[in-house]
N, C-alpha and C. Protein backbone atom coordinates (compact mmCIF):
# COMPACT_ATOMS: atom_id res chain seq x y z
N MET A 1 74.85 120.17 106.48
CA MET A 1 76.11 120.03 105.80
C MET A 1 75.84 119.55 104.37
N HIS A 2 76.53 120.11 103.46
CA HIS A 2 76.39 119.76 102.05
C HIS A 2 76.87 118.32 101.82
N PRO A 3 76.17 117.55 100.97
CA PRO A 3 76.56 116.15 100.73
C PRO A 3 78.01 115.99 100.27
N LEU A 4 78.50 116.91 99.46
CA LEU A 4 79.89 116.83 99.01
C LEU A 4 80.84 116.98 100.19
N SER A 5 80.51 117.84 101.14
CA SER A 5 81.34 118.01 102.33
C SER A 5 81.42 116.72 103.13
N VAL A 6 80.31 116.02 103.22
CA VAL A 6 80.28 114.75 103.96
C VAL A 6 81.22 113.75 103.30
N VAL A 7 81.19 113.67 101.99
CA VAL A 7 82.06 112.75 101.27
C VAL A 7 83.53 113.12 101.48
N LEU A 8 83.85 114.39 101.38
CA LEU A 8 85.23 114.84 101.57
C LEU A 8 85.72 114.57 102.99
N HIS A 9 84.87 114.82 103.98
CA HIS A 9 85.25 114.56 105.37
C HIS A 9 85.44 113.08 105.61
N PHE A 10 84.58 112.26 105.03
CA PHE A 10 84.71 110.81 105.18
C PHE A 10 86.03 110.34 104.58
N ASN A 11 86.40 110.89 103.42
CA ASN A 11 87.67 110.55 102.79
C ASN A 11 88.84 110.95 103.69
N ASN A 12 88.77 112.13 104.31
CA ASN A 12 89.82 112.56 105.23
C ASN A 12 89.93 111.62 106.42
N ILE A 13 88.80 111.19 106.95
CA ILE A 13 88.81 110.27 108.08
C ILE A 13 89.49 108.96 107.70
N LEU A 14 89.19 108.45 106.51
CA LEU A 14 89.83 107.22 106.04
C LEU A 14 91.34 107.39 105.93
N GLN A 15 91.78 108.53 105.43
CA GLN A 15 93.22 108.78 105.32
C GLN A 15 93.87 108.92 106.69
N LEU A 16 93.19 109.56 107.63
CA LEU A 16 93.72 109.68 108.99
C LEU A 16 93.83 108.30 109.64
N LEU A 17 92.83 107.49 109.45
CA LEU A 17 92.88 106.13 110.00
C LEU A 17 93.99 105.32 109.35
N SER A 18 94.21 105.52 108.06
CA SER A 18 95.30 104.84 107.37
C SER A 18 96.65 105.21 108.00
N ASN A 19 96.85 106.50 108.28
CA ASN A 19 98.09 106.93 108.92
C ASN A 19 98.21 106.37 110.34
N TYR A 20 97.09 106.31 111.03
CA TYR A 20 97.12 105.74 112.38
C TYR A 20 97.54 104.27 112.31
N GLU A 21 97.04 103.53 111.33
CA GLU A 21 97.45 102.13 111.16
C GLU A 21 98.93 102.04 110.80
N ARG A 22 99.41 102.95 109.99
CA ARG A 22 100.83 102.94 109.61
C ARG A 22 101.72 103.27 110.81
N PHE A 23 101.31 104.25 111.62
CA PHE A 23 102.08 104.56 112.82
C PHE A 23 102.04 103.39 113.79
N TYR A 24 100.87 102.79 113.97
CA TYR A 24 100.73 101.64 114.84
C TYR A 24 101.64 100.50 114.38
N THR A 25 101.70 100.26 113.07
CA THR A 25 102.57 99.22 112.52
C THR A 25 104.03 99.50 112.86
N ALA A 26 104.45 100.74 112.67
CA ALA A 26 105.84 101.12 112.97
C ALA A 26 106.15 100.97 114.46
N GLU A 27 105.22 101.43 115.28
CA GLU A 27 105.43 101.33 116.73
C GLU A 27 105.52 99.87 117.17
N GLN A 28 104.64 99.03 116.66
CA GLN A 28 104.67 97.62 117.02
C GLN A 28 105.94 96.94 116.54
N ALA A 29 106.43 97.31 115.36
CA ALA A 29 107.69 96.76 114.85
C ALA A 29 108.85 97.15 115.77
N ALA A 30 108.86 98.40 116.21
CA ALA A 30 109.93 98.87 117.10
C ALA A 30 109.87 98.18 118.46
N LEU A 31 108.69 98.07 119.02
CA LEU A 31 108.54 97.41 120.33
C LEU A 31 108.87 95.93 120.24
N ASN A 32 108.48 95.30 119.13
CA ASN A 32 108.79 93.89 118.92
C ASN A 32 110.30 93.69 118.77
N ALA A 33 110.96 94.60 118.07
CA ALA A 33 112.42 94.52 117.91
C ALA A 33 113.12 94.66 119.26
N GLN A 34 112.63 95.57 120.10
CA GLN A 34 113.19 95.72 121.44
C GLN A 34 113.06 94.41 122.22
N LYS A 35 111.87 93.86 122.18
CA LYS A 35 111.56 92.64 122.94
C LYS A 35 112.43 91.46 122.50
N HIS A 36 112.70 91.37 121.20
CA HIS A 36 113.46 90.24 120.67
C HIS A 36 114.91 90.59 120.36
N HIS A 37 115.37 91.73 120.88
CA HIS A 37 116.78 92.16 120.76
C HIS A 37 117.26 92.23 119.31
N ARG A 38 116.41 92.77 118.44
CA ARG A 38 116.80 93.01 117.05
C ARG A 38 117.18 94.48 116.92
N ASN A 39 118.01 94.77 115.96
CA ASN A 39 118.52 96.13 115.82
C ASN A 39 117.92 96.92 114.66
N ASP A 40 117.36 96.23 113.69
CA ASP A 40 116.87 96.89 112.47
C ASP A 40 115.39 96.57 112.27
N ILE A 41 114.63 97.58 111.80
CA ILE A 41 113.23 97.35 111.46
C ILE A 41 112.91 98.02 110.13
N TYR A 42 111.85 97.54 109.52
CA TYR A 42 111.31 98.10 108.29
C TYR A 42 109.89 98.54 108.57
N VAL A 43 109.58 99.79 108.25
CA VAL A 43 108.26 100.34 108.56
C VAL A 43 107.67 101.03 107.34
N PRO A 44 106.33 101.08 107.26
CA PRO A 44 105.69 101.76 106.12
C PRO A 44 105.74 103.28 106.28
N GLY A 45 105.65 103.96 105.16
CA GLY A 45 105.59 105.42 105.19
C GLY A 45 104.18 105.90 105.45
N MET A 46 104.04 107.19 105.56
CA MET A 46 102.74 107.80 105.82
C MET A 46 102.05 108.21 104.53
N ASN A 47 100.73 108.32 104.61
CA ASN A 47 99.92 108.82 103.51
C ASN A 47 99.85 110.35 103.67
N ASP A 48 100.45 111.06 102.75
CA ASP A 48 100.56 112.52 102.86
C ASP A 48 99.46 113.26 102.12
N ALA A 49 98.46 112.54 101.66
CA ALA A 49 97.44 113.17 100.81
C ALA A 49 96.44 114.03 101.58
N CYS A 50 96.30 113.82 102.86
CA CYS A 50 95.27 114.48 103.65
C CYS A 50 95.83 115.73 104.34
N ASN A 51 95.24 116.88 104.10
CA ASN A 51 95.69 118.13 104.73
C ASN A 51 95.52 118.10 106.25
N TYR A 52 94.64 117.24 106.77
CA TYR A 52 94.39 117.18 108.20
C TYR A 52 95.39 116.30 108.93
N SER A 53 96.23 115.60 108.20
CA SER A 53 97.18 114.68 108.81
C SER A 53 98.32 115.45 109.48
N ALA A 54 98.74 114.96 110.61
CA ALA A 54 99.90 115.55 111.29
C ALA A 54 101.17 115.38 110.46
N TYR A 55 101.17 114.45 109.53
CA TYR A 55 102.34 114.18 108.70
C TYR A 55 102.29 114.90 107.36
N HIS A 56 101.25 115.68 107.12
CA HIS A 56 101.15 116.39 105.84
C HIS A 56 102.29 117.39 105.70
N GLU A 57 103.09 117.18 104.67
CA GLU A 57 104.22 118.05 104.34
C GLU A 57 105.23 118.20 105.47
N THR A 58 105.34 117.16 106.30
CA THR A 58 106.36 117.17 107.36
C THR A 58 107.24 115.94 107.20
N ALA A 59 108.37 115.97 107.84
CA ALA A 59 109.30 114.85 107.77
C ALA A 59 108.79 113.70 108.63
N TYR A 60 108.77 112.53 108.07
CA TYR A 60 108.47 111.33 108.86
C TYR A 60 109.70 110.44 108.78
N LEU A 61 109.79 109.62 107.78
CA LEU A 61 110.98 108.81 107.53
C LEU A 61 111.32 108.95 106.06
N GLU A 62 112.58 108.66 105.74
CA GLU A 62 113.01 108.75 104.36
C GLU A 62 113.52 107.40 103.89
N ALA A 63 113.37 107.14 102.60
CA ALA A 63 113.89 105.91 102.00
C ALA A 63 115.38 106.07 101.76
N GLY A 64 116.09 104.99 101.92
CA GLY A 64 117.53 105.00 101.66
C GLY A 64 118.23 103.96 102.51
N ASN A 65 119.37 103.50 102.02
CA ASN A 65 120.12 102.47 102.74
C ASN A 65 121.05 103.06 103.79
N GLU A 66 121.41 104.32 103.66
CA GLU A 66 122.31 104.95 104.63
C GLU A 66 121.47 105.72 105.65
N THR A 67 120.79 104.97 106.51
CA THR A 67 119.86 105.60 107.44
C THR A 67 120.56 106.50 108.45
N ASP A 68 121.84 106.30 108.66
CA ASP A 68 122.57 107.18 109.59
C ASP A 68 122.61 108.61 109.07
N MET A 69 122.41 108.80 107.77
CA MET A 69 122.44 110.12 107.17
C MET A 69 121.05 110.75 107.11
N LEU A 70 120.04 110.01 107.50
CA LEU A 70 118.66 110.47 107.46
C LEU A 70 118.20 110.74 108.89
N TRP A 71 118.08 112.01 109.25
CA TRP A 71 117.86 112.35 110.66
C TRP A 71 116.57 111.77 111.22
N GLU A 72 115.51 111.70 110.43
CA GLU A 72 114.24 111.18 110.94
C GLU A 72 114.38 109.71 111.31
N ASN A 73 115.05 108.95 110.44
CA ASN A 73 115.25 107.53 110.69
C ASN A 73 116.17 107.32 111.90
N THR A 74 117.21 108.13 111.99
CA THR A 74 118.14 108.03 113.12
C THR A 74 117.43 108.35 114.43
N TRP A 75 116.61 109.39 114.41
CA TRP A 75 115.88 109.77 115.62
C TRP A 75 114.98 108.63 116.08
N MET A 76 114.22 108.05 115.18
CA MET A 76 113.32 106.96 115.56
C MET A 76 114.11 105.77 116.08
N ALA A 77 115.22 105.44 115.42
CA ALA A 77 116.06 104.33 115.88
C ALA A 77 116.57 104.58 117.29
N LYS A 78 117.07 105.76 117.54
CA LYS A 78 117.58 106.07 118.89
C LYS A 78 116.47 106.05 119.93
N TYR A 79 115.30 106.59 119.58
CA TYR A 79 114.17 106.64 120.50
C TYR A 79 113.80 105.23 120.99
N TYR A 80 113.82 104.28 120.07
CA TYR A 80 113.43 102.91 120.43
C TYR A 80 114.64 102.02 120.75
N GLY A 81 115.84 102.59 120.76
CA GLY A 81 117.03 101.81 121.10
C GLY A 81 117.43 100.84 120.00
N LEU A 82 117.22 101.22 118.76
CA LEU A 82 117.55 100.38 117.62
C LEU A 82 118.78 100.93 116.89
N ARG A 83 119.29 100.15 115.97
CA ARG A 83 120.43 100.62 115.17
C ARG A 83 119.95 101.34 113.92
N HIS A 84 118.96 100.74 113.20
CA HIS A 84 118.48 101.33 111.96
C HIS A 84 116.97 101.17 111.82
N VAL A 85 116.36 102.18 111.23
CA VAL A 85 114.94 102.13 110.84
C VAL A 85 114.89 102.43 109.34
N TYR A 86 114.33 101.49 108.61
CA TYR A 86 114.24 101.63 107.16
C TYR A 86 112.79 101.87 106.74
N LEU A 87 112.59 102.79 105.82
CA LEU A 87 111.27 103.03 105.25
C LEU A 87 111.07 102.01 104.12
N ASP A 88 109.99 101.26 104.22
CA ASP A 88 109.68 100.26 103.20
C ASP A 88 108.16 100.21 103.03
N ASN A 89 107.68 100.78 101.95
CA ASN A 89 106.24 100.83 101.73
C ASN A 89 105.63 99.48 101.35
N GLN A 90 106.45 98.45 101.24
CA GLN A 90 105.95 97.10 101.01
C GLN A 90 105.67 96.38 102.33
N THR A 91 106.00 97.01 103.44
CA THR A 91 105.74 96.43 104.76
C THR A 91 104.24 96.30 104.96
N PRO A 92 103.77 95.11 105.32
CA PRO A 92 102.32 94.94 105.54
C PRO A 92 101.84 95.81 106.71
N ILE A 93 100.68 96.41 106.53
CA ILE A 93 100.09 97.26 107.57
C ILE A 93 99.35 96.37 108.56
N LYS A 94 99.62 96.57 109.83
CA LYS A 94 98.93 95.79 110.87
C LYS A 94 97.58 96.43 111.18
N PRO A 95 96.57 95.61 111.33
CA PRO A 95 95.28 96.18 111.73
C PRO A 95 95.33 96.65 113.18
N ILE A 96 94.62 97.69 113.46
CA ILE A 96 94.56 98.22 114.82
C ILE A 96 93.62 97.33 115.64
N PRO A 97 94.04 96.90 116.82
CA PRO A 97 93.15 96.08 117.65
C PRO A 97 91.86 96.82 117.98
N ALA A 98 90.79 96.08 118.08
CA ALA A 98 89.47 96.67 118.37
C ALA A 98 89.50 97.49 119.64
N SER A 99 90.28 97.06 120.63
CA SER A 99 90.34 97.79 121.90
C SER A 99 90.87 99.21 121.71
N LEU A 100 91.79 99.41 120.77
CA LEU A 100 92.32 100.75 120.52
C LEU A 100 91.34 101.59 119.70
N LYS A 101 90.53 100.95 118.87
CA LYS A 101 89.55 101.68 118.07
C LYS A 101 88.42 102.23 118.93
N GLU A 102 88.23 101.66 120.10
CA GLU A 102 87.13 102.06 120.96
C GLU A 102 87.45 103.29 121.81
N TYR A 103 88.68 103.74 121.82
CA TYR A 103 89.03 104.88 122.66
C TYR A 103 88.30 106.13 122.19
N PRO A 104 87.51 106.75 123.04
CA PRO A 104 86.75 107.93 122.63
C PRO A 104 87.63 109.11 122.22
N TRP A 105 88.86 109.21 122.75
CA TRP A 105 89.70 110.35 122.40
C TRP A 105 90.04 110.35 120.92
N ILE A 106 90.13 109.19 120.32
CA ILE A 106 90.43 109.12 118.89
C ILE A 106 89.28 109.72 118.10
N ILE A 107 88.08 109.34 118.46
CA ILE A 107 86.89 109.86 117.77
C ILE A 107 86.79 111.37 117.97
N ARG A 108 87.01 111.83 119.20
CA ARG A 108 86.94 113.27 119.46
C ARG A 108 88.00 114.02 118.66
N LYS A 109 89.19 113.45 118.57
CA LYS A 109 90.29 114.09 117.84
C LYS A 109 89.94 114.21 116.35
N ILE A 110 89.42 113.15 115.79
CA ILE A 110 89.04 113.18 114.37
C ILE A 110 87.92 114.18 114.14
N GLN A 111 86.94 114.19 115.04
CA GLN A 111 85.84 115.14 114.90
C GLN A 111 86.34 116.57 114.98
N THR A 112 87.29 116.82 115.85
CA THR A 112 87.88 118.15 115.99
C THR A 112 88.58 118.57 114.70
N LEU A 113 89.28 117.63 114.08
CA LEU A 113 90.02 117.94 112.87
C LEU A 113 89.11 118.24 111.67
N ILE A 114 87.93 117.62 111.64
CA ILE A 114 87.10 117.83 110.46
C ILE A 114 86.10 118.95 110.62
N HIS A 115 86.02 119.57 111.78
CA HIS A 115 85.08 120.69 111.97
C HIS A 115 85.80 122.01 112.00
């Protein structure tokens, strides 16, 4: 493999892991809100720079105060039994627990995407 290819693939892996951390943060916020009977959450957006990302050029969440008018936000809120989901890129990203990083399917999935 050409050295430049290795660098590009490594960059893609970092971006994929960044999105995984962002999704994990959103999921944990939603589950925590359910547990503590809260209705609204703030979650980070996705990194759309990587062509290998499932979120590349697709709808994830949208910024705005009228989340009822934003179908992606409404869908996520309904899925988790919440009233509103707000996109806020200032939301701190939660680190993924080591136990989740050890799952071999994640490694296989990333390897599949870069080959």
